[in-house]
Amino acid sequence: MKTVAVVGTQWGDEGKGKIVDMLAADADVIVRFQGGNNAAHTLVVGGKKFVLRLVPAGALHPGKACVIGNGLVVNPLALLGEIADLKRSGHLADDSLLKLSYEAHMVMPYHLAIDRAREARLGKRAIGTTGFGIGPAYEDKMARVGMRFEDLLDFKFFEEKLRRNIVEKNAYLKAMLKAKPIKADETVDAMKKARRRLLPYLCDTGAFVSEAIDSGKRVLFEGAHGTMLDIDHGTYPYVTSSNCVASAVFSGTGIGPGNLEAVLGISKGYTTRVGAGPFPSEFTGHLADSLREEGDEFGSATGRPRRIGWFDAVLARYTARVNGMWALALTKLDVLTGIDPVRICVGYIVKGKRYDDMPPSHRMLINAKPIFEEIPGWSESPAGALTLAELPSGVRRYVERISELVGVPIAMIGVGKEREATIVVRNPFAD
């Protein structure tokens, strides 16, 4: 297959970055199609930790074209900082390999201010956003007042539009949110300095990706967040502000339907989520604390501790359907070593009624009680295994049961943090 999308199947943080990084070695072009710097891919390469928030994971492989599509909202200064960090580490040496869509929207300082002030005002009713301004930036996009990178071509026009927006946002910040206003002159000066560095990356990314596909190149589409954080298909309103599912590849990059050959879903061997919202398979206490520490379950972008739960097969079946999933990659199975028994959520009880599939209303998840199936755990760590045959029998039994419950084959199994600590059963670029 030539075109492959990688999507998260839970509430994000599934280990997509590691899988994307691995598949990028076989791809020619790596494309990010939605989200912003409120999500991050954490990669461990050669013992060194990299956190990528906007630049596609292909940046860690030489000679790969990396595309930031029109579906993103991009903090320009955060992007420049990320590029600088990568260059200091010896990556992104060739600027011509990084492409930034003219049509991508910018996250401006007033978006961050609004985001944080709203959350503070909501208190206990807060959604649990990162405070990085992503939601307000998408709001402006839909309200048709957003700042796009194409606006930088004519800086006089850009400045007029920016100052007009700042006047309006400051009025809202002061009157409604009782927050400090944004300083217009400082914002304009910062963007004037950033403009010169940003212009060389601008590209008609839709045309670039389409030409790559037409010429037979292998293209990898990289999503952020997870399906359950999708603005339409997730646990609304405790979601992100963009579409995270595979169909967003088309609107977020400018290629047409029919150009995507496979969707690989990524899931942990257990479940986590950050922030508020329903979480049927969640558990707390000493075991949750231990697993959080062992799995380093703290937000890559925020450092917030993640909530912990057992693998949820109901949720996984739903996300397999929504994404048209070709196969599933399971990550962090090594973290479950020593837990006996291991549980899998196989259904929900809502007001006395059993659901083996996702209830029709996500609000019903608030009152959903999990139905668990217990499987014997394993004491021997799978770390170091290179093939299925080398996995401890308990791990194999667990993987096989998940595949059976979800209804899709398992393509990859993660058994450690390093790039190489992944057993590849099926590589979509090799099929």
Protein backbone atom coordinates (compact mmCIF):
# COMPACT_ATOMS: atom_id res chain seq x y z
CA MET A 1 0.00 0.00 0.00
CA LYS A 2 1.16 3.53 -0.79
CA THR A 3 -1.03 5.77 1.39
CA VAL A 4 -1.52 5.03 5.09
CA ALA A 5 -3.12 7.02 7.91
CA VAL A 6 -2.27 6.54 11.58
CA VAL A 7 -5.00 7.51 14.06
CA GLY A 8 -5.48 7.19 17.78
CA THR A 9 -8.33 4.94 18.93
CA GLN A 10 -8.70 6.14 22.53
CA TRP A 11 -8.48 9.60 24.16
CA GLY A 12 -5.05 10.33 22.71
CA ASP A 13 -1.60 9.52 24.11
CA GLU A 14 -1.72 6.03 22.58
CA GLY A 15 1.88 6.05 21.38
CA LYS A 16 1.15 7.22 17.83
CA GLY A 17 4.44 9.08 17.63
CA LYS A 18 6.52 5.95 18.02
CA ILE A 19 4.54 4.07 15.35
CA VAL A 20 4.57 7.02 12.96
CA ASP A 21 8.31 7.43 13.50
CA MET A 22 8.84 3.76 12.68
CA LEU A 23 6.63 3.83 9.56
CA ALA A 24 8.26 7.09 8.42
CA ALA A 25 11.38 5.08 7.63
CA ASP A 26 9.41 3.43 4.79
CA ALA A 27 7.52 6.55 3.69
CA ASP A 28 8.59 9.35 1.36
CA VAL A 29 6.21 12.02 2.66
CA ILE A 30 4.78 12.40 6.18
CA VAL A 31 1.72 14.65 6.54
CA ARG A 32 0.09 16.03 9.69
CA PHE A 33 -3.59 16.74 8.98
CA GLN A 34 -5.28 18.23 12.10
CA GLY A 35 -4.87 19.66 15.59
CA GLY A 36 -2.27 21.98 17.02
CA ASN A 37 0.51 22.01 19.57
CA ASN A 38 -1.88 20.91 22.32
CA ALA A 39 -0.86 17.34 21.53
CA ALA A 40 2.63 15.93 21.29
CA HIS A 41 4.39 12.85 20.00
CA THR A 42 7.08 11.59 22.35
CA LEU A 43 9.84 9.58 20.67
CA VAL A 44 12.92 7.90 22.08
CA VAL A 45 15.64 7.57 19.45
CA GLY A 46 19.12 6.43 20.36
CA GLY A 47 18.31 6.91 24.02
CA LYS A 48 17.35 10.56 23.44
CA LYS A 49 13.83 11.85 24.02
CA PHE A 50 12.17 14.04 21.38
CA VAL A 51 8.79 15.76 21.80
CA LEU A 52 7.17 16.84 18.52
CA ARG A 53 4.08 19.03 18.70
CA LEU A 54 3.67 20.42 15.17
CA VAL A 55 6.44 19.06 12.95
CA PRO A 56 5.63 15.57 11.61
CA ALA A 57 7.62 12.67 13.05
CA GLY A 58 9.37 12.13 9.73
CA ALA A 59 11.68 14.99 10.75
CA LEU A 60 13.77 12.46 12.67
CA HIS A 61 14.57 10.60 9.45
CA PRO A 62 16.87 12.25 6.88
CA GLY A 63 15.49 13.01 3.43
CA LYS A 64 11.80 12.78 4.32
CA ALA A 65 9.37 15.49 3.23
CA CYS A 66 7.29 16.72 6.19
CA VAL A 67 3.99 18.49 5.57
CA ILE A 68 1.89 20.59 7.95
CA GLY A 69 -1.53 20.55 6.34
CA ASN A 70 -4.32 23.09 6.13
CA GLY A 71 -6.34 21.29 8.81
CA LEU A 72 -4.03 22.46 11.60
CA VAL A 73 -4.08 25.58 13.72
CA VAL A 74 -0.44 26.52 14.22
CA ASN A 75 1.17 28.75 16.81
CA PRO A 76 3.82 30.42 14.61
CA LEU A 77 6.26 31.12 17.44
CA ALA A 78 5.87 27.61 18.86
CA LEU A 79 6.57 26.18 15.40
CA LEU A 80 9.72 28.23 15.01
CA GLY A 81 10.87 27.13 18.45
CA GLU A 82 10.31 23.49 17.56
CA ILE A 83 12.19 23.86 14.29
CA ALA A 84 15.10 25.47 16.13
CA ASP A 85 15.20 22.63 18.68
CA LEU A 86 15.26 20.03 15.91
CA LYS A 87 18.04 21.83 14.07
CA ARG A 88 20.13 21.96 17.23
CA SER A 89 19.77 18.18 17.43
CA GLY A 90 20.98 17.75 13.86
CA HIS A 91 17.56 17.28 12.24
CA LEU A 92 15.66 19.33 9.63
CA ALA A 93 18.92 20.37 8.00
CA ASP A 94 17.18 20.87 4.65
CA ASP A 95 14.49 23.55 4.96
CA SER A 96 13.01 22.58 1.59
CA LEU A 97 11.73 19.33 3.15
CA LEU A 98 9.36 21.10 5.55
CA LYS A 99 6.14 22.32 3.94
CA LEU A 100 3.58 24.55 5.70
CA SER A 101 0.15 25.09 4.18
CA TYR A 102 -0.78 28.61 3.11
CA GLU A 103 -4.29 27.76 4.33
CA ALA A 104 -3.39 26.64 7.86
CA HIS A 105 -4.71 28.99 10.54
CA MET A 106 -2.57 30.67 13.18
CA VAL A 107 -2.92 30.49 16.93
CA MET A 108 -2.41 34.04 18.19
CA PRO A 109 -1.70 35.29 21.76
CA TYR A 110 -5.33 36.32 22.27
CA HIS A 111 -6.40 32.72 21.61
CA LEU A 112 -4.25 31.52 24.50
CA ALA A 113 -5.52 34.29 26.76
CA ILE A 114 -9.16 33.49 25.99
CA ASP A 115 -8.63 29.75 26.42
CA ARG A 116 -7.03 30.11 29.86
CA ALA A 117 -9.45 32.75 31.10
CA ARG A 118 -12.46 30.65 30.13
CA GLU A 119 -11.15 27.58 31.93
CA ALA A 120 -10.38 29.62 35.04
CA ARG A 121 -13.87 31.09 34.97
CA LEU A 122 -15.53 27.66 34.67
CA GLY A 123 -13.72 26.30 37.71
CA LYS A 124 -14.94 22.78 38.50
CA ARG A 125 -16.98 22.77 35.27
CA ALA A 126 -13.85 23.30 33.15
CA ILE A 127 -13.42 21.04 30.12
CA GLY A 128 -9.74 20.50 30.88
CA THR A 129 -8.14 22.11 27.83
CA THR A 130 -4.38 22.53 27.61
CA GLY A 131 -4.73 26.31 27.56
CA PHE A 132 -2.80 26.47 24.28
CA GLY A 133 -5.52 28.42 22.46
CA ILE A 134 -6.54 25.66 20.07
CA GLY A 135 -10.31 25.87 20.59
CA PRO A 136 -10.51 29.66 20.20
CA ALA A 137 -8.36 29.46 17.05
CA TYR A 138 -10.74 26.92 15.49
CA GLU A 139 -13.65 29.14 16.55
CA ASP A 140 -12.16 32.03 14.58
CA LYS A 141 -11.62 29.73 11.62
CA MET A 142 -15.33 28.85 11.57
CA ALA A 143 -16.31 32.48 12.19
CA ARG A 144 -14.20 33.44 9.14
CA VAL A 145 -12.04 35.89 11.05
CA GLY A 146 -9.01 33.65 11.50
CA MET A 147 -5.45 34.57 10.57
CA ARG A 148 -4.05 32.28 7.86
CA PHE A 149 -0.43 31.89 6.89
CA GLU A 150 -1.26 33.20 3.42
CA ASP A 151 -2.02 36.55 5.09
CA LEU A 152 1.70 36.96 5.76
CA LEU A 153 2.34 37.51 2.05
CA ASP A 154 1.03 41.06 2.41
CA PHE A 155 2.15 42.22 5.84
CA LYS A 156 0.21 45.50 5.66
CA PHE A 157 -3.00 43.54 5.16
CA PHE A 158 -1.94 41.09 7.88
CA GLU A 159 -1.27 43.87 10.40
CA GLU A 160 -4.57 45.60 9.73
CA LYS A 161 -6.47 42.35 10.19
CA LEU A 162 -4.48 41.43 13.31
CA ARG A 163 -5.01 44.78 15.00
CA ARG A 164 -8.71 44.66 14.20
CA ASN A 165 -8.94 41.20 15.79
CA ILE A 166 -6.99 42.31 18.87
CA VAL A 167 -9.39 45.20 19.50
CA GLU A 168 -12.34 42.82 19.39
CA LYS A 169 -10.67 40.10 21.49
CA ASN A 170 -9.46 42.59 24.10
CA ALA A 171 -12.99 43.89 24.53
CA TYR A 172 -14.16 40.32 25.15
CA LEU A 173 -11.25 39.56 27.50
CA LYS A 174 -11.88 42.63 29.63
CA ALA A 175 -15.68 42.79 29.67
CA MET A 176 -16.64 39.10 29.75
CA LEU A 177 -13.66 37.21 31.13
CA LYS A 178 -12.19 39.89 33.41
CA ALA A 179 -8.74 39.08 32.01
CA LYS A 180 -5.77 41.16 30.95
CA PRO A 181 -5.83 42.49 27.36
CA ILE A 182 -3.25 41.60 24.72
CA LYS A 183 -0.65 44.22 23.74
CA ALA A 184 -1.14 44.86 20.04
CA ASP A 185 2.26 46.42 19.31
CA GLU A 186 4.16 43.52 20.90
CA THR A 187 2.13 40.97 18.93
CA VAL A 188 2.64 42.78 15.62
CA ASP A 189 6.39 43.16 16.24
CA ALA A 190 6.76 39.47 17.12
CA MET A 191 4.94 38.42 13.95
CA LYS A 192 6.95 40.84 11.80
CA LYS A 193 10.15 39.19 13.02
CA ALA A 194 8.71 35.69 12.58
CA ARG A 195 7.42 36.38 9.06
CA ARG A 196 10.84 36.28 7.39
CA ARG A 197 11.58 32.88 8.93
CA LEU A 198 8.15 31.44 8.12
CA LEU A 199 7.74 32.46 4.47
CA PRO A 200 10.26 29.93 3.04
CA TYR A 201 8.18 27.04 4.41
CA LEU A 202 4.88 28.11 2.83
CA CYS A 203 3.58 25.77 0.16
CA ASP A 204 0.45 24.67 -1.67
CA THR A 205 0.52 21.48 0.39
CA GLY A 206 -2.61 19.99 -1.19
CA ALA A 207 -1.00 20.08 -4.61
CA PHE A 208 2.32 18.84 -3.19
CA VAL A 209 0.74 15.78 -1.52
CA SER A 210 -1.47 15.01 -4.54
CA GLU A 211 1.54 15.09 -6.85
CA ALA A 212 3.43 12.79 -4.49
CA ILE A 213 0.57 10.27 -4.55
CA ASP A 214 0.21 10.48 -8.35
CA SER A 215 3.92 9.82 -8.78
CA GLY A 216 3.71 6.64 -6.70
CA LYS A 217 5.42 7.90 -3.55
CA ARG A 218 4.55 6.40 -0.18
CA VAL A 219 2.64 8.92 1.93
CA LEU A 220 2.00 8.60 5.65
CA PHE A 221 -0.77 10.70 7.24
CA GLU A 222 -0.24 11.46 10.91
CA GLY A 223 -3.07 12.41 13.24
CA ALA A 224 -3.01 13.94 16.71
CA HIS A 225 -5.24 13.21 19.73
CA GLY A 226 -7.56 10.20 19.51
CA THR A 227 -10.93 9.27 18.08
CA MET A 228 -12.71 9.74 21.42
CA LEU A 229 -11.54 13.37 21.40
CA ASP A 230 -13.00 13.99 17.92
CA ILE A 231 -15.29 17.03 17.89
CA ASP A 232 -18.11 15.01 16.25
CA HIS A 233 -17.48 11.39 17.27
CA GLY A 234 -15.87 11.77 20.69
CA THR A 235 -17.22 12.23 24.21
CA TYR A 236 -18.59 15.72 23.55
CA PRO A 237 -18.14 18.30 25.09
CA TYR A 238 -14.98 16.80 26.62
CA VAL A 239 -13.22 16.72 23.27
CA THR A 240 -10.73 18.68 21.22
CA SER A 241 -11.78 21.24 18.60
CA SER A 242 -10.99 19.33 15.41
CA ASN A 243 -11.83 16.07 13.66
CA CYS A 244 -9.29 13.39 14.63
CA VAL A 245 -10.72 10.48 12.62
CA ALA A 246 -9.32 9.14 9.36
CA SER A 247 -11.86 10.99 7.19
CA ALA A 248 -10.24 14.26 8.36
CA VAL A 249 -7.26 13.34 6.18
CA PHE A 250 -9.15 14.61 3.15
CA SER A 251 -10.38 17.95 4.49
CA GLY A 252 -7.14 18.52 6.41
CA THR A 253 -4.77 18.02 3.47
CA GLY A 254 -6.69 18.78 0.30
CA ILE A 255 -6.57 15.31 -1.26
CA GLY A 256 -9.71 13.57 -2.47
CA PRO A 257 -11.50 10.52 -1.06
CA GLY A 258 -10.19 7.33 -2.59
CA ASN A 259 -6.56 8.33 -2.06
CA LEU A 260 -6.25 6.51 1.29
CA GLU A 261 -5.52 2.80 1.18
CA ALA A 262 -5.18 1.83 4.85
CA VAL A 263 -5.94 3.15 8.32
CA LEU A 264 -3.82 1.87 11.18
CA GLY A 265 -5.30 2.45 14.62
CA ILE A 266 -3.08 2.87 17.66
CA SER A 267 -4.09 1.76 21.13
CA LYS A 268 -2.36 1.18 24.42
CA GLY A 269 -2.73 -2.20 26.06
CA TYR A 270 -4.69 -0.26 28.65
CA THR A 271 -6.53 3.10 28.45
CA THR A 272 -5.74 6.64 29.60
CA ARG A 273 -7.25 10.07 29.27
CA VAL A 274 -6.36 13.59 30.38
CA GLY A 275 -8.85 16.09 31.70
CA ALA A 276 -12.53 15.75 32.53
CA GLY A 277 -15.13 13.53 30.90
CA PRO A 278 -16.59 10.03 31.13
CA PHE A 279 -14.19 7.09 31.37
CA PRO A 280 -16.06 3.80 31.99
CA SER A 281 -13.03 1.51 32.45
CA GLU A 282 -11.17 3.88 34.80
CA PHE A 283 -9.70 2.64 38.06
CA THR A 284 -7.86 4.43 40.84
CA GLY A 285 -5.73 3.60 43.84
CA HIS A 286 -2.31 2.04 44.26
CA LEU A 287 -2.43 0.00 41.03
CA ALA A 288 -3.37 3.06 38.97
CA ASP A 289 -0.61 5.11 40.59
CA SER A 290 1.93 2.34 39.95
CA LEU A 291 0.90 1.93 36.32
CA ARG A 292 1.00 5.71 35.79
CA GLU A 293 4.58 5.83 37.05
CA GLU A 294 5.70 2.72 35.16
CA GLY A 295 4.12 3.92 31.92
CA ASP A 296 5.22 7.56 32.38
CA GLU A 297 1.60 8.59 32.00
CA PHE A 298 2.00 12.33 32.15
CA GLY A 299 1.01 14.66 29.30
CA SER A 300 3.79 15.28 26.76
CA ALA A 301 2.58 18.82 26.13
CA THR A 302 1.36 19.73 29.63
CA GLY A 303 2.89 17.32 32.15
CA ARG A 304 -0.57 16.61 33.59
CA PRO A 305 -1.06 13.14 35.14
CA ARG A 306 -3.26 10.91 33.02
CA ARG A 307 -6.24 8.99 34.32
CA ILE A 308 -5.83 5.22 34.10
CA GLY A 309 -8.22 2.49 32.95
CA TRP A 310 -8.33 -1.04 31.61
CA PHE A 311 -8.44 -1.75 27.86
CA ASP A 312 -11.94 -0.92 26.61
CA ALA A 313 -13.03 -3.24 23.80
CA VAL A 314 -16.38 -1.46 23.38
CA LEU A 315 -14.61 1.79 22.68
CA ALA A 316 -12.11 0.03 20.39
CA ARG A 317 -14.85 -1.58 18.30
CA TYR A 318 -16.50 1.81 17.91
CA THR A 319 -13.30 3.51 16.80
CA ALA A 320 -12.53 0.66 14.40
CA ARG A 321 -15.89 1.30 12.73
CA VAL A 322 -15.60 5.10 12.65
CA ASN A 323 -12.12 4.95 11.11
CA GLY A 324 -12.58 1.98 8.76
CA MET A 325 -9.59 0.44 10.48
CA TRP A 326 -7.31 -1.93 8.56
CA ALA A 327 -5.45 -3.14 11.64
CA LEU A 328 -4.51 -2.19 15.19
CA ALA A 329 -1.14 -1.48 16.77
CA LEU A 330 -0.94 -2.17 20.51
CA THR A 331 1.59 -0.22 22.54
CA LYS A 332 3.04 -0.36 26.07
CA LEU A 333 2.28 -4.02 26.76
CA ASP A 334 5.46 -4.17 28.83
CA VAL A 335 3.86 -1.77 31.33
CA LEU A 336 1.27 -4.42 32.28
CA THR A 337 3.93 -6.93 33.34
CA GLY A 338 3.35 -8.21 36.87
CA ILE A 339 -0.38 -7.37 36.98
CA ASP A 340 -2.52 -10.45 37.58
CA PRO A 341 -5.25 -10.69 36.52
CA VAL A 342 -5.51 -8.22 33.64
CA ARG A 343 -8.96 -6.89 32.87
CA ILE A 344 -10.68 -6.01 29.60
CA CYS A 345 -13.91 -4.01 29.47
CA VAL A 346 -16.23 -5.99 27.17
CA GLY A 347 -19.53 -4.17 27.70
CA TYR A 348 -21.39 -1.49 29.66
CA ILE A 349 -24.45 -1.47 31.88
CA VAL A 350 -26.48 1.75 31.59
CA LYS A 351 -29.60 2.00 33.74
CA GLY A 352 -29.93 -1.78 33.85
CA LYS A 353 -29.45 -2.33 30.11
CA ARG A 354 -26.36 -4.02 28.65
CA TYR A 355 -24.50 -2.45 25.73
CA ASP A 356 -21.87 -4.41 23.83
CA ASP A 357 -21.45 -1.52 21.40
CA MET A 358 -21.15 2.21 22.00
CA PRO A 359 -24.41 3.62 23.39
CA PRO A 360 -26.25 5.94 20.97
CA SER A 361 -25.61 8.97 23.19
CA HIS A 362 -22.15 9.67 24.54
CA ARG A 363 -23.81 11.31 27.54
CA MET A 364 -24.92 7.81 28.54
CA LEU A 365 -21.26 6.99 29.21
CA ILE A 366 -21.41 9.20 32.30
CA ASN A 367 -23.53 6.53 34.00
CA ALA A 368 -22.03 3.50 32.26
CA LYS A 369 -20.80 0.69 34.51
CA PRO A 370 -18.11 -1.52 32.96
CA ILE A 371 -18.45 -5.25 32.43
CA PHE A 372 -15.02 -6.80 32.83
CA GLU A 373 -13.48 -9.99 31.55
CA GLU A 374 -10.44 -11.19 33.46
CA ILE A 375 -7.41 -12.74 31.77
CA PRO A 376 -4.38 -14.22 33.58
CA GLY A 377 -1.49 -11.76 33.61
CA TRP A 378 2.20 -12.38 33.01
CA SER A 379 5.29 -12.03 35.15
CA GLU A 380 7.88 -12.26 32.39
CA SER A 381 8.42 -8.92 30.63
CA PRO A 382 7.96 -8.89 26.85
CA ALA A 383 10.74 -6.29 26.55
CA GLY A 384 13.37 -7.48 24.10
CA ALA A 385 11.04 -9.76 22.14
CA LEU A 386 11.51 -9.40 18.39
CA THR A 387 8.82 -11.79 17.14
CA LEU A 388 5.42 -13.09 18.21
CA ALA A 389 7.02 -16.41 19.10
CA GLU A 390 9.32 -14.67 21.57
CA LEU A 391 6.47 -13.07 23.50
CA PRO A 392 5.49 -14.61 26.84
CA SER A 393 2.44 -16.83 26.43
CA GLY A 394 0.34 -14.55 28.64
CA VAL A 395 1.04 -11.55 26.40
CA ARG A 396 0.16 -13.52 23.27
CA ARG A 397 -3.10 -14.67 24.86
CA TYR A 398 -3.96 -11.06 25.78
CA VAL A 399 -3.16 -9.74 22.28
CA GLU A 400 -5.20 -12.49 20.62
CA ARG A 401 -8.18 -11.78 22.84
CA ILE A 402 -8.08 -8.06 22.06
CA SER A 403 -7.95 -8.78 18.32
CA GLU A 404 -10.93 -11.11 18.68
CA LEU A 405 -12.97 -8.59 20.67
CA VAL A 406 -12.18 -5.60 18.43
CA GLY A 407 -12.61 -7.53 15.18
CA VAL A 408 -9.43 -6.37 13.45
CA PRO A 409 -5.96 -7.96 13.14
CA ILE A 410 -3.02 -6.80 15.23
CA ALA A 411 -0.31 -5.30 13.03
CA MET A 412 2.25 -4.16 15.61
CA ILE A 413 3.02 -4.77 19.27
CA GLY A 414 4.98 -2.28 21.37
CA VAL A 415 7.16 -3.79 24.10
CA GLY A 416 9.31 -0.82 25.15
CA LYS A 417 10.06 2.89 24.69
CA GLU A 418 12.77 2.69 22.04
CA ARG A 419 12.08 2.95 18.32
CA GLU A 420 13.22 -0.66 17.83
CA ALA A 421 11.02 -2.08 20.63
CA THR A 422 8.12 -2.90 18.34
CA ILE A 423 7.18 -6.28 16.91
CA VAL A 424 5.94 -5.80 13.34
CA VAL A 425 3.42 -8.45 12.36
CA ARG A 426 2.23 -6.56 9.28
CA ASN A 427 3.70 -3.40 7.75
CA PRO A 428 1.07 -1.52 5.70
CA PHE A 429 3.73 -0.21 3.31
CA ALA A 430 4.85 -3.80 2.63
CA ASP A 431 1.34 -5.17 1.87
